[in-house]
C-alpha atoms as a PDB file:
ATOM      1  CA  UNK A   1       0.000   0.000   0.000  1.00  0.00           C
ATOM      2  CA  UNK A   2       1.297   3.486  -0.814  1.00  0.00           C
ATOM      3  CA  UNK A   3       1.466   6.047   2.015  1.00  0.00           C
ATOM      4  CA  UNK A   4      -2.023   7.407   2.588  1.00  0.00           C
ATOM      5  CA  UNK A   5      -3.644  10.266   4.527  1.00  0.00           C
ATOM      6  CA  UNK A   6      -5.631   9.468   7.644  1.00  0.00           C
ATOM      7  CA  UNK A   7      -8.226  12.239   7.439  1.00  0.00           C
ATOM      8  CA  UNK A   8     -11.563  10.459   6.764  1.00  0.00           C
ATOM      9  CA  UNK A   9     -12.922  13.202   4.532  1.00  0.00           C
ATOM     10  CA  UNK A  10      -9.943  13.241   2.184  1.00  0.00           C
ATOM     11  CA  UNK A  11     -10.089   9.452   1.994  1.00  0.00           C
ATOM     12  CA  UNK A  12     -13.728   9.805   0.982  1.00  0.00           C
ATOM     13  CA  UNK A  13     -12.664  12.352  -1.640  1.00  0.00           C
ATOM     14  CA  UNK A  14     -10.053   9.940  -3.013  1.00  0.00           C
ATOM     15  CA  UNK A  15     -12.724   7.250  -3.337  1.00  0.00           C
ATOM     16  CA  UNK A  16     -15.118   9.591  -5.120  1.00  0.00           C
ATOM     17  CA  UNK A  17     -12.424  10.725  -7.547  1.00  0.00           C
ATOM     18  CA  UNK A  18     -11.597   7.108  -8.423  1.00  0.00           C
ATOM     19  CA  UNK A  19     -15.211   6.485  -9.420  1.00  0.00           C
ATOM     20  CA  UNK A  20     -14.907   9.145 -12.111  1.00  0.00           C
ATOM     21  CA  UNK A  21     -11.229   9.042 -13.041  1.00  0.00           C
ATOM     22  CA  UNK A  22      -9.507   5.615 -12.902  1.00  0.00           C
ATOM     23  CA  UNK A  23      -6.020   5.270 -11.482  1.00  0.00           C
ATOM     24  CA  UNK A  24      -4.811   4.115 -14.905  1.00  0.00           C
ATOM     25  CA  UNK A  25      -6.631   6.870 -16.817  1.00  0.00           C
ATOM     26  CA  UNK A  26      -3.509   7.861 -18.759  1.00  0.00           C
ATOM     27  CA  UNK A  27      -3.578   4.448 -20.463  1.00  0.00           C
ATOM     28  CA  UNK A  28      -6.828   5.423 -22.179  1.00  0.00           C
ATOM     29  CA  UNK A  29      -7.129   7.531 -25.348  1.00  0.00           C
ATOM     30  CA  UNK A  30      -6.912  11.274 -24.693  1.00  0.00           C
ATOM     31  CA  UNK A  31     -10.530  11.777 -25.764  1.00  0.00           C
ATOM     32  CA  UNK A  32     -11.635   9.338 -23.045  1.00  0.00           C
ATOM     33  CA  UNK A  33      -9.367  10.969 -20.458  1.00  0.00           C
ATOM     34  CA  UNK A  34     -11.084  14.290 -21.152  1.00  0.00           C
ATOM     35  CA  UNK A  35     -14.560  12.774 -20.828  1.00  0.00           C
ATOM     36  CA  UNK A  36     -13.631  11.285 -17.461  1.00  0.00           C
ATOM     37  CA  UNK A  37     -11.970  14.469 -16.241  1.00  0.00           C
ATOM     38  CA  UNK A  38     -14.865  16.691 -17.259  1.00  0.00           C
ATOM     39  CA  UNK A  39     -17.285  14.393 -15.413  1.00  0.00           C
ATOM     40  CA  UNK A  40     -15.046  14.492 -12.339  1.00  0.00           C
ATOM     41  CA  UNK A  41     -14.955  18.283 -12.391  1.00  0.00           C
ATOM     42  CA  UNK A  42     -18.728  18.547 -12.709  1.00  0.00           C
ATOM     43  CA  UNK A  43     -19.173  16.208  -9.745  1.00  0.00           C
ATOM     44  CA  UNK A  44     -17.250  18.545  -7.446  1.00  0.00           C
ATOM     45  CA  UNK A  45     -18.525  21.802  -8.923  1.00  0.00           C
ATOM     46  CA  UNK A  46     -20.385  24.304  -6.759  1.00  0.00           C
ATOM     47  CA  UNK A  47     -22.658  27.271  -7.566  1.00  0.00           C
ATOM     48  CA  UNK A  48     -20.744  30.511  -7.865  1.00  0.00           C
ATOM     49  CA  UNK A  49     -20.977  33.075  -5.047  1.00  0.00           C
ATOM     50  CA  UNK A  50     -23.793  35.564  -5.385  1.00  0.00           C
ATOM     51  CA  UNK A  51     -22.976  38.841  -7.083  1.00  0.00           C
ATOM     52  CA  UNK A  52     -20.109  37.407  -9.143  1.00  0.00           C
ATOM     53  CA  UNK A  53     -20.279  38.087 -12.880  1.00  0.00           C
ATOM     54  CA  UNK A  54     -18.340  36.113 -15.443  1.00  0.00           C
ATOM     55  CA  UNK A  55     -17.999  36.236 -19.191  1.00  0.00           C
ATOM     56  CA  UNK A  56     -16.189  34.241 -21.853  1.00  0.00           C
ATOM     57  CA  UNK A  57     -14.132  36.065 -24.416  1.00  0.00           C
ATOM     58  CA  UNK A  58     -10.651  36.311 -25.853  1.00  0.00           C
ATOM     59  CA  UNK A  59      -7.478  38.146 -24.927  1.00  0.00           C
ATOM     60  CA  UNK A  60      -4.808  38.490 -27.594  1.00  0.00           C
ATOM     61  CA  UNK A  61      -6.702  35.841 -29.567  1.00  0.00           C
ATOM     62  CA  UNK A  62      -6.637  33.312 -26.707  1.00  0.00           C
ATOM     63  CA  UNK A  63      -9.911  32.067 -25.144  1.00  0.00           C
ATOM     64  CA  UNK A  64     -10.340  33.322 -21.574  1.00  0.00           C
ATOM     65  CA  UNK A  65     -13.015  33.589 -18.904  1.00  0.00           C
ATOM     66  CA  UNK A  66     -13.206  36.831 -16.944  1.00  0.00           C
ATOM     67  CA  UNK A  67     -14.587  36.978 -13.394  1.00  0.00           C
ATOM     68  CA  UNK A  68     -15.762  40.228 -11.851  1.00  0.00           C
ATOM     69  CA  UNK A  69     -16.939  40.328  -8.216  1.00  0.00           C
ATOM     70  CA  UNK A  70     -19.577  42.805  -7.129  1.00  0.00           C
ATOM     71  CA  UNK A  71     -17.043  44.657  -4.992  1.00  0.00           C
ATOM     72  CA  UNK A  72     -13.471  45.135  -6.218  1.00  0.00           C
ATOM     73  CA  UNK A  73     -10.999  45.485  -3.343  1.00  0.00           C
ATOM     74  CA  UNK A  74      -7.724  45.162  -5.266  1.00  0.00           C
ATOM     75  CA  UNK A  75      -6.405  46.999  -8.305  1.00  0.00           C
ATOM     76  CA  UNK A  76      -4.407  43.997  -9.506  1.00  0.00           C
ATOM     77  CA  UNK A  77      -5.734  41.122 -11.622  1.00  0.00           C
ATOM     78  CA  UNK A  78      -5.202  37.423 -10.935  1.00  0.00           C
ATOM     79  CA  UNK A  79      -4.260  35.501 -14.076  1.00  0.00           C
ATOM     80  CA  UNK A  80      -5.131  31.839 -13.455  1.00  0.00           C
ATOM     81  CA  UNK A  81      -3.746  28.830 -15.347  1.00  0.00           C
ATOM     82  CA  UNK A  82      -5.560  25.541 -14.764  1.00  0.00           C
ATOM     83  CA  UNK A  83      -4.047  22.136 -14.093  1.00  0.00           C
ATOM     84  CA  UNK A  84      -4.580  18.900 -15.985  1.00  0.00           C
ATOM     85  CA  UNK A  85      -1.166  17.707 -17.127  1.00  0.00           C
ATOM     86  CA  UNK A  86      -1.405  19.873 -20.279  1.00  0.00           C
ATOM     87  CA  UNK A  87      -3.746  17.142 -21.597  1.00  0.00           C
ATOM     88  CA  UNK A  88      -7.078  17.674 -19.825  1.00  0.00           C
ATOM     89  CA  UNK A  89      -8.814  20.661 -18.218  1.00  0.00           C
ATOM     90  CA  UNK A  90     -10.221  23.975 -19.416  1.00  0.00           C
ATOM     91  CA  UNK A  91     -11.812  27.169 -18.160  1.00  0.00           C
ATOM     92  CA  UNK A  92     -14.862  24.978 -17.388  1.00  0.00           C
ATOM     93  CA  UNK A  93     -12.910  22.491 -15.247  1.00  0.00           C
ATOM     94  CA  UNK A  94     -11.780  25.198 -12.816  1.00  0.00           C
ATOM     95  CA  UNK A  95     -14.840  27.444 -13.060  1.00  0.00           C
ATOM     96  CA  UNK A  96     -15.942  27.202  -9.423  1.00  0.00           C
ATOM     97  CA  UNK A  97     -12.376  27.403  -8.084  1.00  0.00           C
ATOM     98  CA  UNK A  98     -11.659  30.587 -10.039  1.00  0.00           C
ATOM     99  CA  UNK A  99     -15.024  32.101  -9.157  1.00  0.00           C
ATOM    100  CA  UNK A 100     -14.534  31.503  -5.449  1.00  0.00           C
ATOM    101  CA  UNK A 101     -11.052  33.015  -5.514  1.00  0.00           C
ATOM    102  CA  UNK A 102     -12.325  36.128  -7.291  1.00  0.00           C
ATOM    103  CA  UNK A 103     -15.295  36.560  -4.960  1.00  0.00           C
ATOM    104  CA  UNK A 104     -13.399  35.845  -1.738  1.00  0.00           C
ATOM    105  CA  UNK A 105     -10.632  38.318  -2.554  1.00  0.00           C
ATOM    106  CA  UNK A 106     -12.674  40.964  -4.352  1.00  0.00           C
ATOM    107  CA  UNK A 107     -10.367  40.800  -7.347  1.00  0.00           C
ATOM    108  CA  UNK A 108     -10.801  40.540 -11.094  1.00  0.00           C
ATOM    109  CA  UNK A 109      -9.616  37.167 -12.333  1.00  0.00           C
ATOM    110  CA  UNK A 110      -8.818  35.997 -15.861  1.00  0.00           C
ATOM    111  CA  UNK A 111      -8.683  32.237 -16.519  1.00  0.00           C
ATOM    112  CA  UNK A 112      -6.750  31.111 -19.614  1.00  0.00           C
ATOM    113  CA  UNK A 113      -8.136  28.321 -21.812  1.00  0.00           C
ATOM    114  CA  UNK A 114      -4.755  27.418 -23.286  1.00  0.00           C
ATOM    115  CA  UNK A 115      -4.191  24.831 -26.012  1.00  0.00           C
ATOM    116  CA  UNK A 116      -3.720  21.221 -24.906  1.00  0.00           C
ATOM    117  CA  UNK A 117      -1.399  18.380 -25.913  1.00  0.00           C
ATOM    118  CA  UNK A 118      -1.048  16.173 -27.844  1.00  0.00           C
ATOM    119  CA  UNK A 119      -2.797  18.298 -30.477  1.00  0.00           C
ATOM    120  CA  UNK A 120      -0.680  21.269 -29.414  1.00  0.00           C
ATOM    121  CA  UNK A 121       2.610  20.330 -27.796  1.00  0.00           C
ATOM    122  CA  UNK A 122       5.148  22.589 -26.103  1.00  0.00           C
ATOM    123  CA  UNK A 123       5.379  25.578 -26.255  1.00  0.00           C
ATOM    124  CA  UNK A 124       1.742  26.174 -27.308  1.00  0.00           C
ATOM    125  CA  UNK A 125       0.328  26.374 -23.774  1.00  0.00           C
ATOM    126  CA  UNK A 126       3.101  28.702 -22.631  1.00  0.00           C
ATOM    127  CA  UNK A 127       2.673  30.893 -25.697  1.00  0.00           C
ATOM    128  CA  UNK A 128      -1.048  31.249 -24.958  1.00  0.00           C
ATOM    129  CA  UNK A 129      -0.373  32.190 -21.345  1.00  0.00           C
ATOM    130  CA  UNK A 130       2.313  34.665 -22.393  1.00  0.00           C
ATOM    131  CA  UNK A 131       0.005  36.303 -24.936  1.00  0.00           C
ATOM    132  CA  UNK A 132      -2.700  36.906 -22.327  1.00  0.00           C
ATOM    133  CA  UNK A 133      -0.197  38.070 -19.709  1.00  0.00           C
ATOM    134  CA  UNK A 134       1.451  40.511 -22.113  1.00  0.00           C
ATOM    135  CA  UNK A 135      -1.934  41.927 -23.134  1.00  0.00           C
ATOM    136  CA  UNK A 136      -2.871  42.575 -19.504  1.00  0.00           C
ATOM    137  CA  UNK A 137       0.492  44.146 -18.699  1.00  0.00           C
ATOM    138  CA  UNK A 138       0.417  46.331 -21.803  1.00  0.00           C
ATOM    139  CA  UNK A 139      -3.038  47.520 -20.742  1.00  0.00           C
ATOM    140  CA  UNK A 140      -1.482  48.740 -17.491  1.00  0.00           C
ATOM    141  CA  UNK A 141      -2.825  45.987 -15.265  1.00  0.00           C
ATOM    142  CA  UNK A 142      -0.894  44.756 -12.258  1.00  0.00           C
ATOM    143  CA  UNK A 143      -0.881  40.948 -12.392  1.00  0.00           C
ATOM    144  CA  UNK A 144      -0.557  38.109  -9.910  1.00  0.00           C
ATOM    145  CA  UNK A 145       0.105  34.850 -11.754  1.00  0.00           C
ATOM    146  CA  UNK A 146      -1.498  31.761 -10.220  1.00  0.00           C
ATOM    147  CA  UNK A 147      -1.932  28.138 -11.198  1.00  0.00           C
ATOM    148  CA  UNK A 148      -2.275  24.589  -9.950  1.00  0.00           C
ATOM    149  CA  UNK A 149      -0.330  21.511 -11.093  1.00  0.00           C
ATOM    150  CA  UNK A 150       0.504  22.004 -14.799  1.00  0.00           C
ATOM    151  CA  UNK A 151      -0.897  25.510 -14.440  1.00  0.00           C
ATOM    152  CA  UNK A 152       1.618  26.163 -11.672  1.00  0.00           C
ATOM    153  CA  UNK A 153       4.353  24.964 -14.007  1.00  0.00           C
ATOM    154  CA  UNK A 154       3.114  27.398 -16.661  1.00  0.00           C
ATOM    155  CA  UNK A 155       2.828  30.275 -14.187  1.00  0.00           C
ATOM    156  CA  UNK A 156       6.366  29.790 -12.848  1.00  0.00           C
ATOM    157  CA  UNK A 157       7.768  29.553 -16.368  1.00  0.00           C
ATOM    158  CA  UNK A 158       5.979  32.728 -17.452  1.00  0.00           C
ATOM    159  CA  UNK A 159       7.279  34.546 -14.371  1.00  0.00           C
ATOM    160  CA  UNK A 160      10.839  33.566 -15.292  1.00  0.00           C
ATOM    161  CA  UNK A 161      10.404  35.326 -18.639  1.00  0.00           C
ATOM    162  CA  UNK A 162       9.434  38.677 -17.089  1.00  0.00           C
ATOM    163  CA  UNK A 163      11.714  41.526 -16.122  1.00  0.00           C
ATOM    164  CA  UNK A 164      12.066  42.021 -12.345  1.00  0.00           C
ATOM    165  CA  UNK A 165       9.268  44.137 -10.910  1.00  0.00           C
ATOM    166  CA  UNK A 166       6.890  43.537 -13.807  1.00  0.00           C
ATOM    167  CA  UNK A 167       4.664  41.096 -11.863  1.00  0.00           C
ATOM    168  CA  UNK A 168       2.888  41.704  -8.574  1.00  0.00           C
ATOM    169  CA  UNK A 169       3.160  38.123  -7.370  1.00  0.00           C
ATOM    170  CA  UNK A 170       3.162  34.388  -8.100  1.00  0.00           C
ATOM    171  CA  UNK A 171       1.050  31.656  -6.463  1.00  0.00           C
ATOM    172  CA  UNK A 172       1.703  27.962  -7.140  1.00  0.00           C
ATOM    173  CA  UNK A 173      -0.466  25.071  -5.916  1.00  0.00           C
ATOM    174  CA  UNK A 174       1.079  21.569  -6.073  1.00  0.00           C
ATOM    175  CA  UNK A 175       3.103  22.662  -9.124  1.00  0.00           C
ATOM    176  CA  UNK A 176       5.012  20.411 -11.520  1.00  0.00           C
ATOM    177  CA  UNK A 177       8.408  22.077 -11.868  1.00  0.00           C
ATOM    178  CA  UNK A 178      10.621  19.487 -13.566  1.00  0.00           C
ATOM    179  CA  UNK A 179      12.241  17.792 -10.591  1.00  0.00           C
ATOM    180  CA  UNK A 180      14.272  14.568 -10.733  1.00  0.00           C
ATOM    181  CA  UNK A 181      11.751  11.693 -10.941  1.00  0.00           C
ATOM    182  CA  UNK A 182      14.211   9.133  -9.547  1.00  0.00           C
ATOM    183  CA  UNK A 183      14.261  10.062  -5.855  1.00  0.00           C
ATOM    184  CA  UNK A 184      12.639  11.905  -2.968  1.00  0.00           C
ATOM    185  CA  UNK A 185       8.879  12.316  -3.140  1.00  0.00           C
ATOM    186  CA  UNK A 186       8.844  10.892  -6.683  1.00  0.00           C
ATOM    187  CA  UNK A 187       9.945   7.595  -5.121  1.00  0.00           C
ATOM    188  CA  UNK A 188       8.210   7.884  -1.734  1.00  0.00           C
ATOM    189  CA  UNK A 189       4.864   8.855  -3.280  1.00  0.00           C
ATOM    190  CA  UNK A 190       5.254   7.012  -6.581  1.00  0.00           C
ATOM    191  CA  UNK A 191       1.812   5.388  -6.232  1.00  0.00           C
ATOM    192  CA  UNK A 192       0.057   8.260  -4.472  1.00  0.00           C
ATOM    193  CA  UNK A 193      -3.679   8.619  -5.081  1.00  0.00           C
ATOM    194  CA  UNK A 194      -4.635  11.281  -7.605  1.00  0.00           C
ATOM    195  CA  UNK A 195      -1.249  11.385  -9.331  1.00  0.00           C
ATOM    196  CA  UNK A 196       1.513   8.807  -9.654  1.00  0.00           C
ATOM    197  CA  UNK A 197       5.095   9.271 -10.753  1.00  0.00           C
ATOM    198  CA  UNK A 198       4.291   7.324 -13.914  1.00  0.00           C
ATOM    199  CA  UNK A 199       1.493   9.820 -14.603  1.00  0.00           C
ATOM    200  CA  UNK A 200       4.001  12.674 -14.299  1.00  0.00           C
ATOM    201  CA  UNK A 201       6.340  10.944 -16.773  1.00  0.00           C
ATOM    202  CA  UNK A 202       3.424  10.354 -19.157  1.00  0.00           C
ATOM    203  CA  UNK A 203       2.538  14.052 -19.124  1.00  0.00           C
ATOM    204  CA  UNK A 204       6.170  15.051 -19.661  1.00  0.00           C
ATOM    205  CA  UNK A 205       6.444  12.657 -22.594  1.00  0.00           C
ATOM    206  CA  UNK A 206       3.243  13.813 -24.268  1.00  0.00           C
ATOM    207  CA  UNK A 207       4.173  17.495 -23.837  1.00  0.00           C
ATOM    208  CA  UNK A 208       7.635  17.004 -25.391  1.00  0.00           C
ATOM    209  CA  UNK A 209       9.175  20.108 -23.820  1.00  0.00           C
ATOM    210  CA  UNK A 210      12.989  20.297 -24.031  1.00  0.00           C
ATOM    211  CA  UNK A 211      14.374  18.823 -20.780  1.00  0.00           C
ATOM    212  CA  UNK A 212      16.706  21.751 -20.088  1.00  0.00           C
ATOM    213  CA  UNK A 213      14.213  24.521 -20.908  1.00  0.00           C
ATOM    214  CA  UNK A 214      13.692  26.499 -17.654  1.00  0.00           C
ATOM    215  CA  UNK A 215      10.398  27.942 -18.915  1.00  0.00           C
ATOM    216  CA  UNK A 216       9.069  24.388 -19.234  1.00  0.00           C
ATOM    217  CA  UNK A 217      10.905  23.066 -16.151  1.00  0.00           C
ATOM    218  CA  UNK A 218      11.407  26.027 -13.776  1.00  0.00           C
ATOM    219  CA  UNK A 219      13.668  24.096 -11.391  1.00  0.00           C
ATOM    220  CA  UNK A 220      16.234  24.083 -14.219  1.00  0.00           C
ATOM    221  CA  UNK A 221      16.508  27.885 -14.066  1.00  0.00           C
ATOM    222  CA  UNK A 222      19.961  29.022 -12.950  1.00  0.00           C
ATOM    223  CA  UNK A 223      18.756  32.211 -11.264  1.00  0.00           C
ATOM    224  CA  UNK A 224      15.425  32.846  -9.504  1.00  0.00           C
ATOM    225  CA  UNK A 225      16.369  36.221  -8.034  1.00  0.00           C
ATOM    226  CA  UNK A 226      14.155  38.200 -10.412  1.00  0.00           C
ATOM    227  CA  UNK A 227      10.918  36.472  -9.469  1.00  0.00           C
ATOM    228  CA  UNK A 228       8.152  38.366  -7.648  1.00  0.00           C
ATOM    229  CA  UNK A 229       6.914  37.560  -4.115  1.00  0.00           C
ATOM    230  CA  UNK A 230       5.629  34.002  -4.207  1.00  0.00           C
ATOM    231  CA  UNK A 231       3.241  31.689  -2.369  1.00  0.00           C
ATOM    232  CA  UNK A 232       3.907  27.954  -2.790  1.00  0.00           C
ATOM    233  CA  UNK A 233       1.570  25.193  -1.628  1.00  0.00           C
ATOM    234  CA  UNK A 234       2.503  21.506  -1.665  1.00  0.00           C
ATOM    235  CA  UNK A 235       0.628  18.329  -0.734  1.00  0.00           C
ATOM    236  CA  UNK A 236       2.335  15.759   1.458  1.00  0.00           C
ATOM    237  CA  UNK A 237       0.948  12.740  -0.433  1.00  0.00           C
ATOM    238  CA  UNK A 238       2.033  13.860  -3.878  1.00  0.00           C
ATOM    239  CA  UNK A 239       5.055  12.900  -6.004  1.00  0.00           C
ATOM    240  CA  UNK A 240       5.399  16.603  -6.869  1.00  0.00           C
ATOM    241  CA  UNK A 241       5.839  17.597  -3.211  1.00  0.00           C
ATOM    242  CA  UNK A 242       9.613  17.996  -3.432  1.00  0.00           C
ATOM    243  CA  UNK A 243       9.331  20.144  -6.576  1.00  0.00           C
ATOM    244  CA  UNK A 244       7.386  22.727  -4.593  1.00  0.00           C
ATOM    245  CA  UNK A 245       9.689  22.517  -1.566  1.00  0.00           C
ATOM    246  CA  UNK A 246      12.862  22.818  -3.670  1.00  0.00           C
ATOM    247  CA  UNK A 247      11.505  25.793  -5.603  1.00  0.00           C
ATOM    248  CA  UNK A 248      10.493  27.591  -2.408  1.00  0.00           C
ATOM    249  CA  UNK A 249      13.900  26.917  -0.840  1.00  0.00           C
ATOM    250  CA  UNK A 250      15.678  28.312  -3.895  1.00  0.00           C
ATOM    251  CA  UNK A 251      13.476  31.425  -3.866  1.00  0.00           C
ATOM    252  CA  UNK A 252      14.308  32.062  -0.224  1.00  0.00           C
ATOM    253  CA  UNK A 253      18.018  31.516  -0.925  1.00  0.00           C
ATOM    254  CA  UNK A 254      17.727  34.083  -3.738  1.00  0.00           C
ATOM    255  CA  UNK A 255      16.200  36.604  -1.309  1.00  0.00           C
ATOM    256  CA  UNK A 256      12.781  36.423  -2.979  1.00  0.00           C
ATOM    257  CA  UNK A 257       9.904  36.860  -0.525  1.00  0.00           C
ATOM    258  CA  UNK A 258       8.320  33.415  -0.378  1.00  0.00           C
ATOM    259  CA  UNK A 259       5.725  31.705   1.791  1.00  0.00           C
ATOM    260  CA  UNK A 260       5.701  27.899   1.656  1.00  0.00           C
ATOM    261  CA  UNK A 261       3.100  25.534   3.054  1.00  0.00           C
ATOM    262  CA  UNK A 262       2.837  21.741   2.790  1.00  0.00           C
ATOM    263  CA  UNK A 263      -0.693  20.500   3.455  1.00  0.00           C
ATOM    264  CA  UNK A 264      -0.130  17.561   5.825  1.00  0.00           C
ATOM    265  CA  UNK A 265      -3.153  15.427   4.899  1.00  0.00           C
ATOM    266  CA  UNK A 266      -3.569  16.411   1.268  1.00  0.00           C
ATOM    267  CA  UNK A 267      -3.127  14.653  -2.063  1.00  0.00           C
ATOM    268  CA  UNK A 268      -2.667  16.082  -5.552  1.00  0.00           C
ATOM    269  CA  UNK A 269      -5.866  17.767  -6.680  1.00  0.00           C
ATOM    270  CA  UNK A 270      -7.085  18.651  -3.184  1.00  0.00           C
ATOM    271  CA  UNK A 271      -8.499  22.003  -4.368  1.00  0.00           C
ATOM    272  CA  UNK A 272     -11.605  20.087  -5.441  1.00  0.00           C
ATOM    273  CA  UNK A 273     -12.072  18.802  -1.885  1.00  0.00           C
ATOM    274  CA  UNK A 274     -12.232  22.273  -0.323  1.00  0.00           C
ATOM    275  CA  UNK A 275     -15.939  21.925   0.550  1.00  0.00           C
ATOM    276  CA  UNK A 276     -15.753  18.434   2.038  1.00  0.00           C
ATOM    277  CA  UNK A 277     -12.337  18.083   3.723  1.00  0.00           C
ATOM    278  CA  UNK A 278     -11.183  20.099   6.757  1.00  0.00           C
ATOM    279  CA  UNK A 279      -7.591  19.871   5.527  1.00  0.00           C
ATOM    280  CA  UNK A 280      -8.512  21.063   2.036  1.00  0.00           C
ATOM    281  CA  UNK A 281     -10.656  23.842   3.477  1.00  0.00           C
ATOM    282  CA  UNK A 282      -7.673  24.999   5.544  1.00  0.00           C
ATOM    283  CA  UNK A 283      -5.406  24.768   2.511  1.00  0.00           C
ATOM    284  CA  UNK A 284      -7.798  26.850   0.420  1.00  0.00           C
ATOM    285  CA  UNK A 285      -8.058  29.445   3.187  1.00  0.00           C
ATOM    286  CA  UNK A 286      -4.250  29.571   3.316  1.00  0.00           C
ATOM    287  CA  UNK A 287      -4.115  30.041  -0.464  1.00  0.00           C
ATOM    288  CA  UNK A 288      -6.565  32.942  -0.235  1.00  0.00           C
ATOM    289  CA  UNK A 289      -4.482  34.452   2.564  1.00  0.00           C
ATOM    290  CA  UNK A 290      -1.324  34.066   0.465  1.00  0.00           C
ATOM    291  CA  UNK A 291      -2.968  35.653  -2.580  1.00  0.00           C
ATOM    292  CA  UNK A 292      -4.312  38.487  -0.436  1.00  0.00           C
ATOM    293  CA  UNK A 293      -0.772  39.243   0.681  1.00  0.00           C
ATOM    294  CA  UNK A 294       0.492  39.243  -2.908  1.00  0.00           C
ATOM    295  CA  UNK A 295      -2.323  41.528  -3.995  1.00  0.00           C
ATOM    296  CA  UNK A 296      -1.487  43.950  -1.227  1.00  0.00           C
END
C-alpha cells in the first residue's frame, strides 16, 4: 500500500475521484481521459458566489473567462492557469475554483483556456499564457500569476520570462516544476492517489518540452532572483511535493519573498475537496491568505 492520509474526509474524496477518473486513466485515449476528467470536475462543482459576474471572451486571440466580483478590493488582476497535465482541463474544469477566488478576494480574475497536448505540444500552452499576460500588462494591469499543477508549471515559467518588478506576485499550488523523478517524493509517493510518478512521466512525454528549458521546467533555471513575491503550496501525499519545496527553498536563498506551506493530509488535486475536507478547506483558506498578501 502506498502512504495514505488518515483524514476520513480526504479518503472519501479519493474514493469519489476514483469512481470518475480511474487510477490508470492515462492508459486510455486522450478523448476518453477528457470525458472522465470533465465528469469528475462537474461532480465537485459548486454554484458561484452571489454577485459574481463572469464572461467568456478572448485576450490576444486566446480564449479566456473573466470573473468580476460585485465589490473590487484590489487593483491587480489574478491571471489563473488551470491544471490537468497539459492534456485535460479547461476554463470549465476550474470554473468554481476561479469564481470563489475572485469573490473571496474581491479581485478581477482571468482564466486562460490554453491549447492542450497532444494536439498542441510545447510551447503552445506557454505561448497562450504569455500572450494573455502581455496583453494585460500592456493595458497597465498589475498581475498576480497563479496556477495549480501544470498551471503552476506554466505560471512559474511565465514569471521567469518577465523583467524584475513587472509582476505583482506568483502563487503555485502543487506545481510540476521538472524535478528529478528518480528520488525523494517521486519515489516515496510514486503510487500516491490522484497522481503517480508514472502519470508525471506520461505528461512530460506527451508534452515534449525540451528537458533543459527552464520555462518548461522552472527548477532548471539558474537564477530565480528576479521572481516576484511568491506563495507555494505543496501536498504531502504527492510525487510533486519535493518540486514545490525545492523551488520555495531556492526562492528564499535568492532573497525572494516566499511563503511555503505543505498540506499535511492532502493529495494532488485537493483544491476540489475544499468543501468536504477540513484539511482542504484549511489549505484553500491559506491560499486565499497568500494571494491576499500578494495583492497587497
